[in-house]
Amino acid sequence: MTLFKLEQHPAVYFADFVLYPIAIAAGLGALLLRANGPIWVLASVAILGFLGWSLVEYILHRFVLHGVQPFKRWHAEHHQRPFALIGTSTVVSMALFVLLVFWPLALLSNRWIALAATLGITSGYLLYLVVHHATHHWKARSGSWMHDRKRDHALHHRPGAHGWYGVTTTFWDRVFHTDGMTHDH
């Protein structure tokens, strides 16, 4: 079992669903028990991180996974085999959050602000992981929020479709007019 394969062993694929909640709980515990400074500031930063994740999700999906090699080729494999356990290993994704979010913010502000932002962003990522998995593997009650996510993601997976890049929300697709495009502009 390797951590760097495109199609993952089930233990590696489902590790996200166990390790991210543990990491988020541990980080939250550290913030609550050790951080100095106003808790409302840290909570606000975490909320902004969580909300900011949806824009990161949209940008990564639209411009990296559908535009930059080798990610585009790897993501095309997911489109061809939507039920396969294809994704990024927990080790790689957590390392990216540390290198691209926590570390720069810790250098620019302090470790507690960086931790709060990282917790918000990784909580958004965990939501994305659950919703994306659910869109491919779970049934949803008609008219529910999850049913809408499944419908929109199915539209994204249609051959030749361009649009519906948001998985957890269609907000950015509406902002950038990619909610239902069938051709490139």
C-alpha atoms as a PDB file:
ATOM      1  CA  MET A   1       0.000   0.000   0.000  1.00  0.00           C
ATOM      2  CA  THR A   2       1.500   3.318  -1.059  1.00  0.00           C
ATOM      3  CA  LEU A   3       0.442   6.801  -0.022  1.00  0.00           C
ATOM      4  CA  PHE A   4       1.169   8.387  -3.403  1.00  0.00           C
ATOM      5  CA  LYS A   5      -0.992   6.405  -5.832  1.00  0.00           C
ATOM      6  CA  LEU A   6      -3.812   8.072  -7.743  1.00  0.00           C
ATOM      7  CA  GLU A   7      -6.259   5.274  -6.975  1.00  0.00           C
ATOM      8  CA  GLN A   8      -5.943   4.543  -3.311  1.00  0.00           C
ATOM      9  CA  HIS A   9      -6.316   1.507  -1.134  1.00  0.00           C
ATOM     10  CA  PRO A  10      -9.526   1.916   0.902  1.00  0.00           C
ATOM     11  CA  ALA A  11      -7.534   2.326   4.139  1.00  0.00           C
ATOM     12  CA  VAL A  12      -5.606   5.253   2.640  1.00  0.00           C
ATOM     13  CA  TYR A  13      -8.701   6.796   1.020  1.00  0.00           C
ATOM     14  CA  PHE A  14     -10.823   6.637   4.188  1.00  0.00           C
ATOM     15  CA  ALA A  15      -7.983   7.819   6.462  1.00  0.00           C
ATOM     16  CA  ASP A  16      -9.092  11.407   5.722  1.00  0.00           C
ATOM     17  CA  PHE A  17     -12.433  10.725   7.389  1.00  0.00           C
ATOM     18  CA  VAL A  18     -10.681   9.655  10.596  1.00  0.00           C
ATOM     19  CA  LEU A  19      -7.463  11.678  10.731  1.00  0.00           C
ATOM     20  CA  TYR A  20      -8.867  15.100   9.780  1.00  0.00           C
ATOM     21  CA  PRO A  21     -11.487  15.108  12.578  1.00  0.00           C
ATOM     22  CA  ILE A  22      -8.773  14.041  15.037  1.00  0.00           C
ATOM     23  CA  ALA A  23      -6.388  16.758  13.825  1.00  0.00           C
ATOM     24  CA  ILE A  24      -9.147  19.394  13.899  1.00  0.00           C
ATOM     25  CA  ALA A  25     -10.200  18.372  17.429  1.00  0.00           C
ATOM     26  CA  ALA A  26      -6.580  18.426  18.620  1.00  0.00           C
ATOM     27  CA  GLY A  27      -6.002  21.855  17.067  1.00  0.00           C
ATOM     28  CA  LEU A  28      -9.215  23.193  18.572  1.00  0.00           C
ATOM     29  CA  GLY A  29      -8.185  21.819  21.953  1.00  0.00           C
ATOM     30  CA  ALA A  30      -4.804  23.507  21.676  1.00  0.00           C
ATOM     31  CA  LEU A  31      -6.477  26.804  20.756  1.00  0.00           C
ATOM     32  CA  LEU A  32      -8.913  26.646  23.653  1.00  0.00           C
ATOM     33  CA  LEU A  33      -6.374  25.526  26.251  1.00  0.00           C
ATOM     34  CA  ARG A  34      -3.191  27.315  25.229  1.00  0.00           C
ATOM     35  CA  ALA A  35      -3.884  30.324  23.018  1.00  0.00           C
ATOM     36  CA  ASN A  36      -3.565  33.767  24.479  1.00  0.00           C
ATOM     37  CA  GLY A  37      -5.595  36.633  23.123  1.00  0.00           C
ATOM     38  CA  PRO A  38      -9.278  37.192  22.500  1.00  0.00           C
ATOM     39  CA  ILE A  39     -11.131  34.011  21.568  1.00  0.00           C
ATOM     40  CA  TRP A  40     -13.499  36.019  19.320  1.00  0.00           C
ATOM     41  CA  VAL A  41     -10.534  36.932  17.100  1.00  0.00           C
ATOM     42  CA  LEU A  42      -9.478  33.290  16.769  1.00  0.00           C
ATOM     43  CA  ALA A  43     -13.092  32.202  16.169  1.00  0.00           C
ATOM     44  CA  SER A  44     -13.481  34.899  13.492  1.00  0.00           C
ATOM     45  CA  VAL A  45     -10.274  33.786  11.768  1.00  0.00           C
ATOM     46  CA  ALA A  46     -11.422  30.152  11.853  1.00  0.00           C
ATOM     47  CA  ILE A  47     -14.820  31.084  10.385  1.00  0.00           C
ATOM     48  CA  LEU A  48     -13.135  33.129   7.648  1.00  0.00           C
ATOM     49  CA  GLY A  49     -10.878  30.146   6.912  1.00  0.00           C
ATOM     50  CA  PHE A  50     -13.884  27.844   6.691  1.00  0.00           C
ATOM     51  CA  LEU A  51     -15.746  30.206   4.360  1.00  0.00           C
ATOM     52  CA  GLY A  52     -12.581  30.884   2.364  1.00  0.00           C
ATOM     53  CA  TRP A  53     -12.190  27.175   1.682  1.00  0.00           C
ATOM     54  CA  SER A  54     -15.131  27.274  -0.742  1.00  0.00           C
ATOM     55  CA  LEU A  55     -13.258  29.757  -2.958  1.00  0.00           C
ATOM     56  CA  VAL A  56     -10.078  27.661  -2.749  1.00  0.00           C
ATOM     57  CA  GLU A  57     -12.130  24.570  -3.656  1.00  0.00           C
ATOM     58  CA  TYR A  58     -13.615  26.345  -6.688  1.00  0.00           C
ATOM     59  CA  ILE A  59     -10.260  27.724  -7.901  1.00  0.00           C
ATOM     60  CA  LEU A  60      -8.446  24.416  -7.482  1.00  0.00           C
ATOM     61  CA  HIS A  61     -11.183  22.473  -9.226  1.00  0.00           C
ATOM     62  CA  ARG A  62     -11.697  24.886 -12.106  1.00  0.00           C
ATOM     63  CA  PHE A  63      -8.170  26.067 -12.854  1.00  0.00           C
ATOM     64  CA  VAL A  64      -5.850  23.343 -11.510  1.00  0.00           C
ATOM     65  CA  LEU A  65      -7.812  20.086 -11.841  1.00  0.00           C
ATOM     66  CA  HIS A  66      -9.299  21.140 -15.186  1.00  0.00           C
ATOM     67  CA  GLY A  67      -6.374  23.151 -16.508  1.00  0.00           C
ATOM     68  CA  VAL A  68      -2.890  22.221 -15.270  1.00  0.00           C
ATOM     69  CA  GLN A  69      -1.052  19.007 -16.118  1.00  0.00           C
ATOM     70  CA  PRO A  70      -0.553  16.464 -14.618  1.00  0.00           C
ATOM     71  CA  PHE A  71      -3.528  17.328 -12.354  1.00  0.00           C
ATOM     72  CA  LYS A  72      -5.855  17.654 -15.340  1.00  0.00           C
ATOM     73  CA  ARG A  73      -4.962  14.134 -16.532  1.00  0.00           C
ATOM     74  CA  TRP A  74      -5.366  12.723 -13.018  1.00  0.00           C
ATOM     75  CA  HIS A  75      -8.717  14.444 -12.562  1.00  0.00           C
ATOM     76  CA  ALA A  76      -9.872  13.180 -15.967  1.00  0.00           C
ATOM     77  CA  GLU A  77      -9.336   9.676 -14.585  1.00  0.00           C
ATOM     78  CA  HIS A  78     -11.770  10.530 -11.780  1.00  0.00           C
ATOM     79  CA  HIS A  79     -14.295  11.717 -14.385  1.00  0.00           C
ATOM     80  CA  GLN A  80     -13.881   8.460 -16.327  1.00  0.00           C
ATOM     81  CA  ARG A  81     -14.189   6.301 -13.181  1.00  0.00           C
ATOM     82  CA  PRO A  82     -16.313   8.297 -10.694  1.00  0.00           C
ATOM     83  CA  PHE A  83     -16.768   5.394  -8.263  1.00  0.00           C
ATOM     84  CA  ALA A  84     -13.044   4.619  -7.978  1.00  0.00           C
ATOM     85  CA  LEU A  85     -11.305   5.680  -4.763  1.00  0.00           C
ATOM     86  CA  ILE A  86      -9.206   8.377  -6.425  1.00  0.00           C
ATOM     87  CA  GLY A  87      -7.808  11.251  -4.413  1.00  0.00           C
ATOM     88  CA  THR A  88      -4.957  12.822  -2.512  1.00  0.00           C
ATOM     89  CA  SER A  89      -3.568  10.946   0.470  1.00  0.00           C
ATOM     90  CA  THR A  90      -3.955  12.428   3.927  1.00  0.00           C
ATOM     91  CA  VAL A  91      -0.176  12.730   4.299  1.00  0.00           C
ATOM     92  CA  VAL A  92       0.088  14.850   1.148  1.00  0.00           C
ATOM     93  CA  SER A  93      -2.960  17.045   1.831  1.00  0.00           C
ATOM     94  CA  MET A  94      -2.007  17.697   5.474  1.00  0.00           C
ATOM     95  CA  ALA A  95       1.546  18.556   4.431  1.00  0.00           C
ATOM     96  CA  LEU A  96       0.160  21.033   1.900  1.00  0.00           C
ATOM     97  CA  PHE A  97      -2.031  22.689   4.557  1.00  0.00           C
ATOM     98  CA  VAL A  98       0.979  23.060   6.845  1.00  0.00           C
ATOM     99  CA  LEU A  99       3.265  24.373   4.086  1.00  0.00           C
ATOM    100  CA  LEU A 100       0.780  26.622   2.270  1.00  0.00           C
ATOM    101  CA  VAL A 101      -1.483  27.836   5.087  1.00  0.00           C
ATOM    102  CA  PHE A 102      -0.122  27.353   8.601  1.00  0.00           C
ATOM    103  CA  TRP A 103       3.536  28.142   8.043  1.00  0.00           C
ATOM    104  CA  PRO A 104       3.115  31.348   5.983  1.00  0.00           C
ATOM    105  CA  LEU A 105       0.427  32.676   8.346  1.00  0.00           C
ATOM    106  CA  ALA A 106       2.559  31.854  11.397  1.00  0.00           C
ATOM    107  CA  LEU A 107       5.403  33.852   9.846  1.00  0.00           C
ATOM    108  CA  LEU A 108       3.087  36.768   8.985  1.00  0.00           C
ATOM    109  CA  SER A 109       1.114  36.866  12.247  1.00  0.00           C
ATOM    110  CA  ASN A 110       1.449  34.311  15.047  1.00  0.00           C
ATOM    111  CA  ARG A 111       0.969  30.580  15.514  1.00  0.00           C
ATOM    112  CA  TRP A 112      -2.494  30.931  17.085  1.00  0.00           C
ATOM    113  CA  ILE A 113      -3.917  32.978  14.207  1.00  0.00           C
ATOM    114  CA  ALA A 114      -2.258  30.532  11.811  1.00  0.00           C
ATOM    115  CA  LEU A 115      -3.722  27.557  13.674  1.00  0.00           C
ATOM    116  CA  ALA A 116      -7.213  29.102  13.743  1.00  0.00           C
ATOM    117  CA  ALA A 117      -7.121  29.814  10.000  1.00  0.00           C
ATOM    118  CA  THR A 118      -5.748  26.354   9.260  1.00  0.00           C
ATOM    119  CA  LEU A 119      -8.474  24.744  11.367  1.00  0.00           C
ATOM    120  CA  GLY A 120     -11.130  26.688   9.468  1.00  0.00           C
ATOM    121  CA  ILE A 121      -9.706  25.782   6.080  1.00  0.00           C
ATOM    122  CA  THR A 122      -9.187  22.123   6.958  1.00  0.00           C
ATOM    123  CA  SER A 123     -12.744  21.953   8.343  1.00  0.00           C
ATOM    124  CA  GLY A 124     -13.937  23.227   4.967  1.00  0.00           C
ATOM    125  CA  TYR A 125     -11.751  20.636   3.271  1.00  0.00           C
ATOM    126  CA  LEU A 126     -13.218  17.888   5.463  1.00  0.00           C
ATOM    127  CA  LEU A 127     -16.714  19.033   4.470  1.00  0.00           C
ATOM    128  CA  TYR A 128     -15.614  18.918   0.830  1.00  0.00           C
ATOM    129  CA  LEU A 129     -14.251  15.369   1.267  1.00  0.00           C
ATOM    130  CA  VAL A 130     -17.494  14.140   2.800  1.00  0.00           C
ATOM    131  CA  VAL A 131     -19.726  15.894   0.260  1.00  0.00           C
ATOM    132  CA  HIS A 132     -17.635  14.789  -2.718  1.00  0.00           C
ATOM    133  CA  HIS A 133     -17.598  11.191  -1.518  1.00  0.00           C
ATOM    134  CA  ALA A 134     -21.346  11.365  -0.872  1.00  0.00           C
ATOM    135  CA  THR A 135     -22.072  12.750  -4.352  1.00  0.00           C
ATOM    136  CA  HIS A 136     -20.563   9.594  -5.821  1.00  0.00           C
ATOM    137  CA  HIS A 137     -21.456   6.918  -3.278  1.00  0.00           C
ATOM    138  CA  TRP A 138     -24.509   7.843  -1.177  1.00  0.00           C
ATOM    139  CA  LYS A 139     -28.203   8.219  -1.863  1.00  0.00           C
ATOM    140  CA  ALA A 140     -29.852  11.513  -0.951  1.00  0.00           C
ATOM    141  CA  ARG A 141     -33.419  12.416  -0.118  1.00  0.00           C
ATOM    142  CA  SER A 142     -35.110  14.297  -2.958  1.00  0.00           C
ATOM    143  CA  GLY A 143     -35.164  18.050  -2.351  1.00  0.00           C
ATOM    144  CA  SER A 144     -32.389  17.922   0.251  1.00  0.00           C
ATOM    145  CA  TRP A 145     -29.202  19.986   0.214  1.00  0.00           C
ATOM    146  CA  MET A 146     -27.224  16.789  -0.516  1.00  0.00           C
ATOM    147  CA  HIS A 147     -29.566  15.911  -3.377  1.00  0.00           C
ATOM    148  CA  ASP A 148     -28.808  19.320  -4.902  1.00  0.00           C
ATOM    149  CA  ARG A 149     -25.050  18.721  -4.478  1.00  0.00           C
ATOM    150  CA  LYS A 150     -25.377  15.299  -6.165  1.00  0.00           C
ATOM    151  CA  ARG A 151     -27.376  16.793  -9.070  1.00  0.00           C
ATOM    152  CA  ASP A 152     -24.928  19.653  -9.628  1.00  0.00           C
ATOM    153  CA  HIS A 153     -21.900  17.379  -9.401  1.00  0.00           C
ATOM    154  CA  ALA A 154     -23.520  14.955 -11.849  1.00  0.00           C
ATOM    155  CA  LEU A 155     -23.966  17.909 -14.232  1.00  0.00           C
ATOM    156  CA  HIS A 156     -20.244  18.662 -13.810  1.00  0.00           C
ATOM    157  CA  HIS A 157     -19.407  15.052 -14.716  1.00  0.00           C
ATOM    158  CA  ARG A 158     -21.400  15.044 -17.986  1.00  0.00           C
ATOM    159  CA  PRO A 159     -19.155  14.550 -21.024  1.00  0.00           C
ATOM    160  CA  GLY A 160     -18.273  17.908 -22.546  1.00  0.00           C
ATOM    161  CA  ALA A 161     -19.672  19.912 -19.630  1.00  0.00           C
ATOM    162  CA  HIS A 162     -17.771  22.938 -18.367  1.00  0.00           C
ATOM    163  CA  GLY A 163     -19.009  24.321 -15.090  1.00  0.00           C
ATOM    164  CA  TRP A 164     -20.388  23.355 -11.709  1.00  0.00           C
ATOM    165  CA  TYR A 165     -16.905  23.386 -10.157  1.00  0.00           C
ATOM    166  CA  GLY A 166     -18.118  23.945  -6.613  1.00  0.00           C
ATOM    167  CA  VAL A 167     -18.790  20.732  -4.732  1.00  0.00           C
ATOM    168  CA  THR A 168     -19.914  22.033  -1.338  1.00  0.00           C
ATOM    169  CA  THR A 169     -21.661  25.121  -2.728  1.00  0.00           C
ATOM    170  CA  THR A 170     -22.690  26.645  -6.040  1.00  0.00           C
ATOM    171  CA  PHE A 171     -22.000  30.162  -4.730  1.00  0.00           C
ATOM    172  CA  TRP A 172     -18.771  30.689  -6.717  1.00  0.00           C
ATOM    173  CA  ASP A 173     -20.241  29.049  -9.825  1.00  0.00           C
ATOM    174  CA  ARG A 174     -22.987  31.674  -9.709  1.00  0.00           C
ATOM    175  CA  VAL A 175     -20.490  34.496  -9.066  1.00  0.00           C
ATOM    176  CA  PHE A 176     -18.264  33.434 -11.970  1.00  0.00           C
ATOM    177  CA  HIS A 177     -21.135  32.296 -14.238  1.00  0.00           C
ATOM    178  CA  THR A 178     -20.052  28.660 -14.430  1.00  0.00           C
ATOM    179  CA  ASP A 179     -23.375  27.338 -13.185  1.00  0.00           C
ATOM    180  CA  GLY A 180     -24.586  25.495 -16.233  1.00  0.00           C
ATOM    181  CA  MET A 181     -22.121  26.456 -18.924  1.00  0.00           C
ATOM    182  CA  THR A 182     -21.938  23.869 -21.686  1.00  0.00           C
ATOM    183  CA  HIS A 183     -19.082  25.444 -23.631  1.00  0.00           C
ATOM    184  CA  ASP A 184     -15.955  27.483 -22.972  1.00  0.00           C
ATOM    185  CA  HIS A 185     -16.184  31.272 -23.121  1.00  0.00           C
END
